[in-house]
């Protein structure tokens, strides 16, 4: 009986050690990808200031690109994924208010965040769907940035992102696009602008 108990105890210890080793390996490999820096030159844009461009940017932000779905209606950011075993992720406060990044980013840094999914230091923005904006025209990107820069300040401090064990496992398996910057060709040319007007191309 004692021998059986010892065997079971050792089996439990082995299982615990294997699980701990697997968990550590999962954390290390996924964290290495999360911490990766991307060398993105970005694409300089001429940011407009006229009312027509601002209206176009507002439509892009709220209706077409739907930035407000994650960054909230006031663009002050907050929790948009709250499932700790998977992840607890915060969208950035895009305004110039306390806790916001709106007054810190250069025009080029705005462009790199939107179309490449990277921060000023080259690290990836988690869950930022930049792959959907990568082919946005220069005119639309510039109008969107112009609108975001015009937002009224919202004072809201944003928490720290965390990715749980289930989220890391899904990320490692390829079932969770945690870092869209990995999916983007950062050196590809952006599409040529489509002339505005009543046409099939513009439609």
N, C-alpha and C. Protein backbone atom coordinates (compact mmCIF):
# COMPACT_ATOMS: atom_id res chain seq x y z
N UNK A 1 0.83 -1.20 0.00
CA UNK A 1 0.00 0.00 0.00
C UNK A 1 0.87 1.26 0.00
N UNK A 2 1.92 1.23 0.88
CA UNK A 2 2.80 2.38 0.97
C UNK A 2 3.53 2.60 -0.36
N UNK A 3 3.89 1.48 -1.00
CA UNK A 3 4.59 1.58 -2.28
C UNK A 3 3.70 2.24 -3.33
N UNK A 4 2.42 1.88 -3.32
CA UNK A 4 1.46 2.47 -4.26
C UNK A 4 1.31 3.96 -4.02
N UNK A 5 1.26 4.34 -2.74
CA UNK A 5 1.15 5.76 -2.39
C UNK A 5 2.36 6.54 -2.88
N UNK A 6 3.56 5.93 -2.71
CA UNK A 6 4.79 6.58 -3.16
C UNK A 6 4.78 6.75 -4.68
N UNK A 7 4.31 5.72 -5.39
CA UNK A 7 4.25 5.78 -6.86
C UNK A 7 3.32 6.90 -7.31
N UNK A 8 2.16 6.95 -6.64
CA UNK A 8 1.18 7.99 -6.98
C UNK A 8 1.75 9.38 -6.68
N UNK A 9 2.43 9.50 -5.55
CA UNK A 9 3.02 10.79 -5.16
C UNK A 9 4.06 11.23 -6.17
N UNK A 10 4.92 10.29 -6.58
CA UNK A 10 5.94 10.63 -7.58
C UNK A 10 5.29 10.99 -8.92
N UNK A 11 4.24 10.29 -9.27
CA UNK A 11 3.53 10.58 -10.52
C UNK A 11 2.95 12.00 -10.49
N UNK A 12 2.39 12.38 -9.34
CA UNK A 12 1.84 13.72 -9.19
C UNK A 12 2.95 14.76 -9.31
N UNK A 13 4.09 14.49 -8.67
CA UNK A 13 5.23 15.41 -8.74
C UNK A 13 5.70 15.57 -10.18
N UNK A 14 5.80 14.45 -10.88
CA UNK A 14 6.24 14.49 -12.29
C UNK A 14 5.27 15.33 -13.13
N UNK A 15 3.98 15.12 -12.93
CA UNK A 15 2.97 15.88 -13.68
C UNK A 15 3.09 17.37 -13.39
N UNK A 16 3.28 17.69 -12.11
CA UNK A 16 3.41 19.10 -11.72
C UNK A 16 4.65 19.72 -12.36
N UNK A 17 5.76 19.00 -12.32
CA UNK A 17 7.01 19.51 -12.90
C UNK A 17 6.86 19.70 -14.41
N UNK A 18 6.25 18.73 -15.08
CA UNK A 18 6.06 18.83 -16.54
C UNK A 18 5.16 20.00 -16.88
N UNK A 19 4.08 20.16 -16.14
CA UNK A 19 3.15 21.28 -16.39
C UNK A 19 3.83 22.62 -16.14
N UNK A 20 4.63 22.68 -15.06
CA UNK A 20 5.34 23.92 -14.75
C UNK A 20 6.34 24.26 -15.85
N UNK A 21 7.05 23.22 -16.33
CA UNK A 21 8.03 23.45 -17.40
C UNK A 21 7.34 23.89 -18.68
N UNK A 22 6.21 23.26 -19.00
CA UNK A 22 5.47 23.62 -20.21
C UNK A 22 4.92 25.04 -20.10
N UNK A 23 4.42 25.37 -18.91
CA UNK A 23 3.90 26.72 -18.69
C UNK A 23 4.98 27.77 -18.81
N UNK A 24 6.15 27.47 -18.26
CA UNK A 24 7.28 28.41 -18.34
C UNK A 24 7.72 28.60 -19.79
N UNK A 25 7.82 27.48 -20.52
CA UNK A 25 8.22 27.55 -21.93
C UNK A 25 7.20 28.35 -22.74
N UNK A 26 5.92 28.14 -22.45
CA UNK A 26 4.87 28.88 -23.17
C UNK A 26 4.99 30.37 -22.89
N UNK A 27 5.20 30.71 -21.62
CA UNK A 27 5.32 32.13 -21.26
C UNK A 27 6.53 32.77 -21.93
N UNK A 28 7.66 32.09 -21.88
CA UNK A 28 8.90 32.66 -22.43
C UNK A 28 8.79 32.87 -23.94
N UNK A 29 8.28 31.85 -24.64
CA UNK A 29 8.21 31.96 -26.11
C UNK A 29 7.20 33.02 -26.55
N UNK A 30 6.05 33.07 -25.89
CA UNK A 30 5.05 34.07 -26.27
C UNK A 30 5.48 35.47 -25.87
N UNK A 31 6.14 35.60 -24.71
CA UNK A 31 6.58 36.91 -24.27
C UNK A 31 7.65 37.46 -25.18
N UNK A 32 8.48 36.55 -25.72
CA UNK A 32 9.52 36.98 -26.66
C UNK A 32 8.87 37.60 -27.91
N UNK A 33 7.78 37.00 -28.36
CA UNK A 33 7.06 37.56 -29.52
C UNK A 33 6.37 38.87 -29.16
N UNK A 34 5.79 38.93 -27.97
CA UNK A 34 5.11 40.15 -27.53
C UNK A 34 6.09 41.32 -27.40
N UNK A 35 7.32 41.02 -26.94
CA UNK A 35 8.32 42.06 -26.72
C UNK A 35 9.11 42.42 -27.98
N UNK A 36 8.87 41.71 -29.07
CA UNK A 36 9.63 41.94 -30.30
C UNK A 36 9.47 43.38 -30.79
N UNK A 37 10.55 43.94 -31.31
CA UNK A 37 10.52 45.28 -31.88
C UNK A 37 10.50 45.17 -33.42
N UNK A 38 9.68 46.00 -34.04
CA UNK A 38 9.56 46.01 -35.49
C UNK A 38 10.23 47.26 -36.04
N UNK A 39 11.09 47.06 -37.03
CA UNK A 39 11.75 48.19 -37.67
C UNK A 39 10.85 48.73 -38.78
N UNK A 40 10.05 49.71 -38.42
CA UNK A 40 9.08 50.28 -39.36
C UNK A 40 9.42 51.74 -39.62
N UNK A 41 9.71 52.05 -40.86
CA UNK A 41 10.06 53.43 -41.20
C UNK A 41 8.83 54.33 -41.20
N UNK A 42 7.70 53.77 -41.54
CA UNK A 42 6.49 54.59 -41.64
C UNK A 42 6.45 55.36 -42.95
N UNK A 43 5.32 56.01 -43.17
CA UNK A 43 5.11 56.73 -44.42
C UNK A 43 4.61 58.13 -44.09
N UNK A 44 5.43 59.16 -44.29
CA UNK A 44 5.02 60.53 -43.95
C UNK A 44 3.75 60.95 -44.70
N UNK A 45 2.88 61.64 -44.00
CA UNK A 45 1.62 62.11 -44.58
C UNK A 45 1.49 63.61 -44.39
N UNK A 46 0.77 64.23 -45.29
CA UNK A 46 0.43 65.64 -45.14
C UNK A 46 -0.92 65.70 -44.44
N UNK A 47 -0.94 66.09 -43.19
CA UNK A 47 -2.17 66.06 -42.40
C UNK A 47 -2.98 67.33 -42.66
N UNK A 48 -4.20 67.19 -43.15
CA UNK A 48 -5.03 68.37 -43.46
C UNK A 48 -5.64 68.97 -42.19
N UNK A 49 -6.16 70.17 -42.32
CA UNK A 49 -6.82 70.83 -41.18
C UNK A 49 -8.20 71.38 -41.55
N UNK A 50 -8.59 71.23 -42.81
CA UNK A 50 -9.88 71.81 -43.24
C UNK A 50 -11.05 70.98 -42.72
N UNK A 51 -12.20 71.60 -42.67
CA UNK A 51 -13.40 70.98 -42.09
C UNK A 51 -13.87 69.76 -42.88
N UNK A 52 -13.67 69.77 -44.19
CA UNK A 52 -14.09 68.63 -45.01
C UNK A 52 -13.27 67.39 -44.66
N UNK A 53 -11.96 67.58 -44.50
CA UNK A 53 -11.09 66.45 -44.14
C UNK A 53 -11.42 65.94 -42.74
N UNK A 54 -11.71 66.85 -41.81
CA UNK A 54 -12.06 66.44 -40.45
C UNK A 54 -13.35 65.64 -40.44
N UNK A 55 -14.31 66.06 -41.26
CA UNK A 55 -15.58 65.32 -41.35
C UNK A 55 -15.34 63.94 -41.95
N UNK A 56 -14.47 63.87 -42.94
CA UNK A 56 -14.12 62.59 -43.54
C UNK A 56 -13.43 61.69 -42.50
N UNK A 57 -12.53 62.27 -41.72
CA UNK A 57 -11.85 61.51 -40.68
C UNK A 57 -12.80 61.02 -39.61
N UNK A 58 -13.77 61.85 -39.26
CA UNK A 58 -14.76 61.45 -38.25
C UNK A 58 -15.57 60.27 -38.75
N UNK A 59 -15.96 60.31 -40.01
CA UNK A 59 -16.74 59.21 -40.59
C UNK A 59 -15.91 57.92 -40.60
N UNK A 60 -14.64 58.04 -40.93
CA UNK A 60 -13.77 56.87 -40.93
C UNK A 60 -13.64 56.29 -39.52
N UNK A 61 -13.48 57.17 -38.53
CA UNK A 61 -13.24 56.73 -37.16
C UNK A 61 -14.48 56.12 -36.50
N UNK A 62 -15.65 56.60 -36.88
CA UNK A 62 -16.86 56.18 -36.18
C UNK A 62 -17.75 55.22 -36.97
N UNK A 63 -17.68 55.28 -38.30
CA UNK A 63 -18.61 54.49 -39.11
C UNK A 63 -17.93 53.41 -39.94
N UNK A 64 -16.80 53.75 -40.55
CA UNK A 64 -16.14 52.80 -41.46
C UNK A 64 -15.11 51.96 -40.72
N UNK A 65 -14.08 52.58 -40.20
CA UNK A 65 -13.06 51.84 -39.47
C UNK A 65 -13.51 51.46 -38.06
N UNK A 66 -14.49 52.20 -37.55
CA UNK A 66 -15.09 51.91 -36.25
C UNK A 66 -14.08 51.86 -35.11
N UNK A 67 -13.18 52.85 -35.09
CA UNK A 67 -12.20 52.94 -34.00
C UNK A 67 -12.90 53.05 -32.65
N UNK A 68 -14.10 53.67 -32.67
CA UNK A 68 -14.82 53.90 -31.42
C UNK A 68 -15.33 52.61 -30.79
N UNK A 69 -15.37 51.52 -31.54
CA UNK A 69 -15.82 50.25 -30.96
C UNK A 69 -14.88 49.81 -29.83
N UNK A 70 -13.57 50.01 -30.02
CA UNK A 70 -12.60 49.62 -29.00
C UNK A 70 -12.18 50.80 -28.12
N UNK A 71 -12.04 51.96 -28.75
CA UNK A 71 -11.53 53.13 -28.02
C UNK A 71 -12.62 53.94 -27.34
N UNK A 72 -13.85 53.43 -27.38
CA UNK A 72 -15.02 54.04 -26.73
C UNK A 72 -15.53 55.24 -27.54
N UNK A 73 -16.75 55.63 -27.27
CA UNK A 73 -17.40 56.70 -28.02
C UNK A 73 -16.66 58.02 -27.89
N UNK A 74 -16.02 58.24 -26.74
CA UNK A 74 -15.28 59.50 -26.53
C UNK A 74 -13.80 59.36 -26.88
N UNK A 75 -13.40 58.18 -27.36
CA UNK A 75 -12.02 57.86 -27.74
C UNK A 75 -11.05 57.96 -26.55
N UNK A 76 -11.63 57.86 -25.35
CA UNK A 76 -10.79 57.90 -24.15
C UNK A 76 -10.25 56.55 -23.74
N UNK A 77 -10.59 55.50 -24.49
CA UNK A 77 -10.05 54.17 -24.22
C UNK A 77 -10.62 53.50 -22.99
N UNK A 78 -10.14 52.31 -22.73
CA UNK A 78 -10.59 51.53 -21.58
C UNK A 78 -10.52 50.04 -21.88
N UNK A 79 -11.06 49.23 -20.98
CA UNK A 79 -11.03 47.78 -21.15
C UNK A 79 -11.90 47.39 -22.34
N UNK A 80 -11.36 46.57 -23.24
CA UNK A 80 -12.21 46.06 -24.32
C UNK A 80 -12.18 44.54 -24.40
N UNK A 81 -11.27 43.90 -23.68
CA UNK A 81 -11.31 42.45 -23.49
C UNK A 81 -11.06 42.21 -22.01
N UNK A 82 -12.00 41.55 -21.34
CA UNK A 82 -11.88 41.33 -19.90
C UNK A 82 -12.19 39.87 -19.59
N UNK A 83 -11.28 39.00 -19.93
CA UNK A 83 -11.40 37.57 -19.66
C UNK A 83 -10.02 37.11 -19.20
N UNK A 84 -9.67 37.32 -17.92
CA UNK A 84 -8.31 37.10 -17.42
C UNK A 84 -7.62 35.82 -17.86
N UNK A 85 -8.31 34.66 -17.94
CA UNK A 85 -7.59 33.47 -18.42
C UNK A 85 -7.10 33.63 -19.86
N UNK A 86 -7.81 34.46 -20.63
CA UNK A 86 -7.41 34.73 -22.01
C UNK A 86 -6.57 36.00 -22.05
N UNK A 87 -7.16 37.12 -21.68
CA UNK A 87 -6.44 38.39 -21.66
C UNK A 87 -7.29 39.47 -21.02
N UNK A 88 -6.62 40.46 -20.49
CA UNK A 88 -7.27 41.70 -20.06
C UNK A 88 -6.54 42.81 -20.80
N UNK A 89 -7.22 43.35 -21.81
CA UNK A 89 -6.59 44.32 -22.69
C UNK A 89 -7.32 45.66 -22.65
N UNK A 90 -6.53 46.72 -22.73
CA UNK A 90 -7.05 48.08 -22.72
C UNK A 90 -6.75 48.76 -24.06
N UNK A 91 -7.73 49.49 -24.55
CA UNK A 91 -7.46 50.33 -25.71
C UNK A 91 -6.92 51.66 -25.22
N UNK A 92 -6.09 52.30 -26.03
CA UNK A 92 -5.44 53.54 -25.61
C UNK A 92 -6.42 54.70 -25.56
N UNK A 93 -6.14 55.63 -24.69
CA UNK A 93 -6.83 56.92 -24.67
C UNK A 93 -6.19 57.74 -25.79
N UNK A 94 -6.94 57.99 -26.86
CA UNK A 94 -6.38 58.65 -28.04
C UNK A 94 -6.43 60.18 -27.95
N UNK A 95 -6.94 60.70 -26.87
CA UNK A 95 -7.09 62.15 -26.75
C UNK A 95 -5.86 62.77 -26.09
N UNK A 96 -5.91 64.10 -25.96
CA UNK A 96 -4.83 64.85 -25.33
C UNK A 96 -5.02 64.98 -23.82
N UNK A 97 -6.03 64.32 -23.29
CA UNK A 97 -6.29 64.42 -21.85
C UNK A 97 -5.30 63.64 -21.02
N UNK A 98 -5.45 63.71 -19.70
CA UNK A 98 -4.58 63.00 -18.78
C UNK A 98 -4.69 61.50 -19.03
N UNK A 99 -3.55 60.87 -19.23
CA UNK A 99 -3.55 59.44 -19.52
C UNK A 99 -3.65 59.14 -21.00
N UNK A 100 -3.81 60.19 -21.82
CA UNK A 100 -3.95 60.00 -23.26
C UNK A 100 -2.64 60.12 -24.01
N UNK A 101 -2.64 59.63 -25.24
CA UNK A 101 -1.43 59.68 -26.06
C UNK A 101 -1.56 60.69 -27.19
N UNK A 102 -2.73 61.32 -27.30
CA UNK A 102 -2.98 62.23 -28.41
C UNK A 102 -2.01 63.38 -28.53
N UNK A 103 -1.53 63.86 -27.40
CA UNK A 103 -0.60 64.98 -27.44
C UNK A 103 0.86 64.56 -27.49
N UNK A 104 1.11 63.25 -27.55
CA UNK A 104 2.48 62.76 -27.51
C UNK A 104 2.98 62.26 -28.86
N UNK A 105 2.08 61.83 -29.72
CA UNK A 105 2.48 61.21 -30.98
C UNK A 105 2.72 62.23 -32.09
N UNK A 106 3.77 62.00 -32.85
CA UNK A 106 3.99 62.79 -34.06
C UNK A 106 3.08 62.24 -35.15
N UNK A 107 2.95 62.97 -36.24
CA UNK A 107 2.11 62.49 -37.35
C UNK A 107 2.61 61.14 -37.86
N UNK A 108 3.92 60.97 -37.95
CA UNK A 108 4.47 59.71 -38.43
C UNK A 108 4.18 58.58 -37.45
N UNK A 109 4.21 58.87 -36.16
CA UNK A 109 3.91 57.84 -35.16
C UNK A 109 2.44 57.44 -35.19
N UNK A 110 1.57 58.42 -35.48
CA UNK A 110 0.16 58.08 -35.68
C UNK A 110 0.01 57.11 -36.85
N UNK A 111 0.69 57.41 -37.95
CA UNK A 111 0.59 56.57 -39.15
C UNK A 111 1.09 55.17 -38.87
N UNK A 112 2.21 55.05 -38.15
CA UNK A 112 2.77 53.73 -37.87
C UNK A 112 1.85 52.93 -36.94
N UNK A 113 1.18 53.60 -36.02
CA UNK A 113 0.25 52.90 -35.13
C UNK A 113 -0.95 52.38 -35.90
N UNK A 114 -1.49 53.22 -36.78
CA UNK A 114 -2.72 52.86 -37.49
C UNK A 114 -2.48 51.83 -38.59
N UNK A 115 -1.47 52.06 -39.42
CA UNK A 115 -1.27 51.19 -40.59
C UNK A 115 -0.23 50.09 -40.38
N UNK A 116 0.50 50.15 -39.26
CA UNK A 116 1.51 49.11 -39.01
C UNK A 116 1.35 48.43 -37.66
N UNK A 117 0.57 49.02 -36.76
CA UNK A 117 0.33 48.39 -35.46
C UNK A 117 1.50 48.39 -34.52
N UNK A 118 2.32 49.46 -34.59
CA UNK A 118 3.48 49.53 -33.70
C UNK A 118 3.50 50.85 -32.93
N UNK A 119 4.14 50.81 -31.77
CA UNK A 119 4.31 51.98 -30.93
C UNK A 119 5.53 52.78 -31.40
N UNK A 120 5.73 53.97 -30.85
CA UNK A 120 6.90 54.76 -31.24
C UNK A 120 8.23 54.04 -31.05
N UNK A 121 8.31 53.15 -30.05
CA UNK A 121 9.56 52.43 -29.81
C UNK A 121 9.69 51.17 -30.66
N UNK A 122 8.72 50.91 -31.53
CA UNK A 122 8.79 49.75 -32.41
C UNK A 122 8.11 48.50 -31.87
N UNK A 123 7.71 48.52 -30.60
CA UNK A 123 7.02 47.35 -30.05
C UNK A 123 5.59 47.30 -30.58
N UNK A 124 5.01 46.12 -30.52
CA UNK A 124 3.70 45.90 -31.14
C UNK A 124 2.56 46.40 -30.26
N UNK A 125 1.52 46.89 -30.91
CA UNK A 125 0.28 47.21 -30.24
C UNK A 125 -0.56 45.94 -30.21
N UNK A 126 -0.91 45.48 -29.01
CA UNK A 126 -1.65 44.25 -28.89
C UNK A 126 -3.07 44.40 -29.41
N UNK A 127 -3.44 43.49 -30.28
CA UNK A 127 -4.80 43.38 -30.81
C UNK A 127 -5.23 44.57 -31.66
N UNK A 128 -4.31 45.47 -31.98
CA UNK A 128 -4.63 46.60 -32.87
C UNK A 128 -4.75 46.05 -34.29
N UNK A 129 -5.95 46.11 -34.89
CA UNK A 129 -6.17 45.47 -36.20
C UNK A 129 -5.58 46.25 -37.37
N UNK A 130 -4.28 46.53 -37.28
CA UNK A 130 -3.62 47.33 -38.31
C UNK A 130 -3.63 46.66 -39.67
N UNK A 131 -3.75 45.32 -39.69
CA UNK A 131 -3.79 44.63 -40.98
C UNK A 131 -5.02 45.05 -41.79
N UNK A 132 -6.05 45.54 -41.11
CA UNK A 132 -7.26 46.00 -41.80
C UNK A 132 -7.08 47.42 -42.34
N UNK A 133 -6.10 48.15 -41.80
CA UNK A 133 -5.87 49.54 -42.22
C UNK A 133 -4.61 49.69 -43.06
N UNK A 134 -3.87 48.60 -43.23
CA UNK A 134 -2.60 48.66 -43.96
C UNK A 134 -2.76 49.23 -45.36
N UNK A 135 -3.87 48.91 -46.02
CA UNK A 135 -4.09 49.37 -47.39
C UNK A 135 -4.97 50.62 -47.46
N UNK A 136 -5.16 51.28 -46.33
CA UNK A 136 -5.90 52.55 -46.34
C UNK A 136 -5.10 53.57 -47.13
N UNK A 137 -5.77 54.34 -47.96
CA UNK A 137 -5.08 55.34 -48.78
C UNK A 137 -4.45 56.42 -47.91
N UNK A 138 -3.46 57.10 -48.46
CA UNK A 138 -2.83 58.20 -47.74
C UNK A 138 -3.85 59.26 -47.35
N UNK A 139 -4.78 59.55 -48.25
CA UNK A 139 -5.78 60.58 -48.00
C UNK A 139 -6.68 60.21 -46.83
N UNK A 140 -7.12 58.94 -46.80
CA UNK A 140 -7.97 58.50 -45.71
C UNK A 140 -7.19 58.44 -44.40
N UNK A 141 -5.96 57.94 -44.45
CA UNK A 141 -5.15 57.87 -43.23
C UNK A 141 -4.89 59.27 -42.68
N UNK A 142 -4.59 60.20 -43.57
CA UNK A 142 -4.33 61.58 -43.13
C UNK A 142 -5.57 62.22 -42.53
N UNK A 143 -6.73 61.97 -43.16
CA UNK A 143 -7.99 62.53 -42.63
C UNK A 143 -8.32 61.93 -41.28
N UNK A 144 -8.09 60.62 -41.13
CA UNK A 144 -8.35 59.96 -39.85
C UNK A 144 -7.45 60.53 -38.76
N UNK A 145 -6.17 60.70 -39.07
CA UNK A 145 -5.24 61.27 -38.09
C UNK A 145 -5.63 62.69 -37.74
N UNK A 146 -6.03 63.47 -38.74
CA UNK A 146 -6.45 64.85 -38.49
C UNK A 146 -7.62 64.88 -37.51
N UNK A 147 -8.57 63.99 -37.70
CA UNK A 147 -9.73 63.95 -36.80
C UNK A 147 -9.31 63.53 -35.39
N UNK A 148 -8.49 62.50 -35.29
CA UNK A 148 -8.06 62.02 -33.97
C UNK A 148 -7.28 63.09 -33.22
N UNK A 149 -6.50 63.86 -33.93
CA UNK A 149 -5.74 64.95 -33.29
C UNK A 149 -6.66 66.08 -32.81
N UNK A 150 -7.86 66.16 -33.37
CA UNK A 150 -8.78 67.24 -33.02
C UNK A 150 -9.71 66.87 -31.86
N UNK A 151 -9.62 65.64 -31.37
CA UNK A 151 -10.54 65.17 -30.33
C UNK A 151 -10.42 66.01 -29.06
N UNK A 152 -11.53 66.29 -28.41
CA UNK A 152 -11.46 66.99 -27.12
C UNK A 152 -10.80 66.09 -26.09
N UNK A 153 -10.04 66.66 -25.16
CA UNK A 153 -9.33 65.84 -24.18
C UNK A 153 -10.26 65.09 -23.24
N UNK A 154 -9.89 63.86 -22.96
CA UNK A 154 -10.60 63.02 -21.99
C UNK A 154 -9.57 62.58 -20.96
N UNK A 155 -9.81 62.89 -19.69
CA UNK A 155 -8.89 62.48 -18.64
C UNK A 155 -9.25 61.06 -18.19
N UNK A 156 -8.43 60.10 -18.60
CA UNK A 156 -8.68 58.71 -18.23
C UNK A 156 -7.36 57.93 -18.28
N UNK A 157 -6.93 57.47 -17.13
CA UNK A 157 -5.72 56.66 -17.06
C UNK A 157 -6.06 55.24 -17.52
N UNK A 158 -5.16 54.64 -18.27
CA UNK A 158 -5.40 53.32 -18.83
C UNK A 158 -4.53 52.29 -18.11
N UNK A 159 -5.12 51.12 -17.84
CA UNK A 159 -4.40 50.07 -17.13
C UNK A 159 -3.36 49.37 -17.98
N UNK A 160 -2.75 48.35 -17.40
CA UNK A 160 -1.69 47.60 -18.08
C UNK A 160 -2.26 46.32 -18.68
N UNK A 161 -1.91 46.06 -19.91
CA UNK A 161 -2.37 44.84 -20.58
C UNK A 161 -1.77 43.59 -19.94
N UNK A 162 -2.54 42.52 -19.94
CA UNK A 162 -2.02 41.24 -19.47
C UNK A 162 -2.63 40.13 -20.32
N UNK A 163 -1.83 39.12 -20.61
CA UNK A 163 -2.28 37.99 -21.41
C UNK A 163 -2.20 36.74 -20.55
N UNK A 164 -3.34 36.06 -20.40
CA UNK A 164 -3.40 34.88 -19.54
C UNK A 164 -2.92 33.62 -20.23
N UNK A 165 -2.90 32.51 -19.50
CA UNK A 165 -2.37 31.25 -20.05
C UNK A 165 -3.16 30.73 -21.25
N UNK A 166 -4.48 30.85 -21.21
CA UNK A 166 -5.28 30.39 -22.36
C UNK A 166 -5.01 31.27 -23.57
N UNK A 167 -4.92 32.58 -23.33
CA UNK A 167 -4.62 33.50 -24.43
C UNK A 167 -3.26 33.21 -25.04
N UNK A 168 -2.28 32.92 -24.19
CA UNK A 168 -0.93 32.63 -24.69
C UNK A 168 -0.92 31.32 -25.49
N UNK A 169 -1.68 30.33 -25.00
CA UNK A 169 -1.74 29.05 -25.71
C UNK A 169 -2.39 29.23 -27.09
N UNK A 170 -3.48 29.99 -27.14
CA UNK A 170 -4.14 30.26 -28.41
C UNK A 170 -3.24 31.06 -29.35
N UNK A 171 -2.50 32.01 -28.78
CA UNK A 171 -1.57 32.82 -29.55
C UNK A 171 -0.45 31.95 -30.14
N UNK A 172 0.10 31.07 -29.32
CA UNK A 172 1.17 30.18 -29.78
C UNK A 172 0.67 29.23 -30.86
N UNK A 173 -0.57 28.81 -30.75
CA UNK A 173 -1.16 27.86 -31.70
C UNK A 173 -1.55 28.55 -33.01
N UNK A 174 -1.64 29.89 -32.96
CA UNK A 174 -2.03 30.62 -34.17
C UNK A 174 -3.51 30.89 -34.27
N UNK A 175 -4.24 30.67 -33.18
CA UNK A 175 -5.69 30.88 -33.18
C UNK A 175 -6.10 32.23 -32.61
N UNK A 176 -5.13 33.03 -32.19
CA UNK A 176 -5.42 34.36 -31.64
C UNK A 176 -4.44 35.36 -32.24
N UNK A 177 -4.96 36.31 -33.01
CA UNK A 177 -4.09 37.32 -33.66
C UNK A 177 -3.78 38.42 -32.65
N UNK A 178 -2.98 38.08 -31.67
CA UNK A 178 -2.65 39.03 -30.61
C UNK A 178 -1.76 40.16 -31.11
N UNK A 179 -0.90 39.86 -32.09
CA UNK A 179 0.02 40.86 -32.63
C UNK A 179 -0.18 40.98 -34.14
N UNK A 180 -1.16 41.78 -34.57
CA UNK A 180 -1.40 41.94 -36.00
C UNK A 180 -0.18 42.46 -36.77
N UNK A 181 0.75 43.14 -36.09
CA UNK A 181 1.95 43.64 -36.77
C UNK A 181 2.73 42.50 -37.41
N UNK A 182 2.59 41.28 -36.88
CA UNK A 182 3.26 40.13 -37.46
C UNK A 182 2.68 39.75 -38.82
N UNK A 183 1.45 40.19 -39.09
CA UNK A 183 0.76 39.79 -40.31
C UNK A 183 0.95 40.77 -41.45
N UNK A 184 1.69 41.84 -41.21
CA UNK A 184 1.79 42.95 -42.17
C UNK A 184 3.14 42.97 -42.86
N UNK A 185 3.10 43.24 -44.16
CA UNK A 185 4.33 43.51 -44.91
C UNK A 185 4.62 45.00 -44.74
N UNK A 186 5.56 45.31 -43.88
CA UNK A 186 5.80 46.70 -43.51
C UNK A 186 6.57 47.50 -44.56
N UNK A 187 7.02 46.83 -45.60
CA UNK A 187 7.76 47.54 -46.65
C UNK A 187 6.98 47.65 -47.95
N UNK A 188 5.79 47.08 -47.99
CA UNK A 188 4.98 47.13 -49.22
C UNK A 188 4.50 48.56 -49.48
N UNK A 189 4.36 48.89 -50.76
CA UNK A 189 3.87 50.22 -51.14
C UNK A 189 2.40 50.35 -50.81
N UNK A 190 1.99 51.54 -50.42
CA UNK A 190 0.58 51.80 -50.14
C UNK A 190 -0.16 52.02 -51.45
N UNK A 191 -1.46 51.73 -51.49
CA UNK A 191 -2.21 51.87 -52.74
C UNK A 191 -2.28 53.32 -53.21
N UNK A 192 -2.34 53.48 -54.53
CA UNK A 192 -2.46 54.82 -55.10
C UNK A 192 -3.83 55.39 -54.76
N UNK A 193 -3.94 56.70 -54.59
CA UNK A 193 -5.23 57.30 -54.24
C UNK A 193 -6.24 57.15 -55.37
N UNK A 194 -7.49 57.03 -55.01
CA UNK A 194 -8.59 56.97 -55.97
C UNK A 194 -9.23 58.35 -56.04
N UNK A 195 -9.31 58.96 -57.22
CA UNK A 195 -9.89 60.30 -57.33
C UNK A 195 -11.34 60.29 -56.82
N UNK A 196 -11.65 61.29 -55.98
CA UNK A 196 -13.00 61.38 -55.45
C UNK A 196 -13.95 61.84 -56.54
N UNK A 197 -15.17 61.33 -56.50
CA UNK A 197 -16.16 61.73 -57.49
C UNK A 197 -17.12 60.59 -57.76
N UNK A 198 -18.04 60.80 -58.65
CA UNK A 198 -19.03 59.79 -59.02
C UNK A 198 -18.39 58.84 -60.03
N UNK A 199 -17.90 57.70 -59.54
CA UNK A 199 -17.26 56.73 -60.41
C UNK A 199 -17.30 55.36 -59.76
N UNK A 200 -17.11 54.33 -60.58
CA UNK A 200 -17.07 52.97 -60.06
C UNK A 200 -15.87 52.81 -59.13
N UNK A 201 -14.71 53.37 -59.52
CA UNK A 201 -13.50 53.25 -58.72
C UNK A 201 -13.69 53.87 -57.34
N UNK A 202 -14.28 55.07 -57.29
CA UNK A 202 -14.48 55.72 -56.00
C UNK A 202 -15.53 54.98 -55.17
N UNK A 203 -16.55 54.48 -55.84
CA UNK A 203 -17.58 53.71 -55.13
C UNK A 203 -17.01 52.46 -54.50
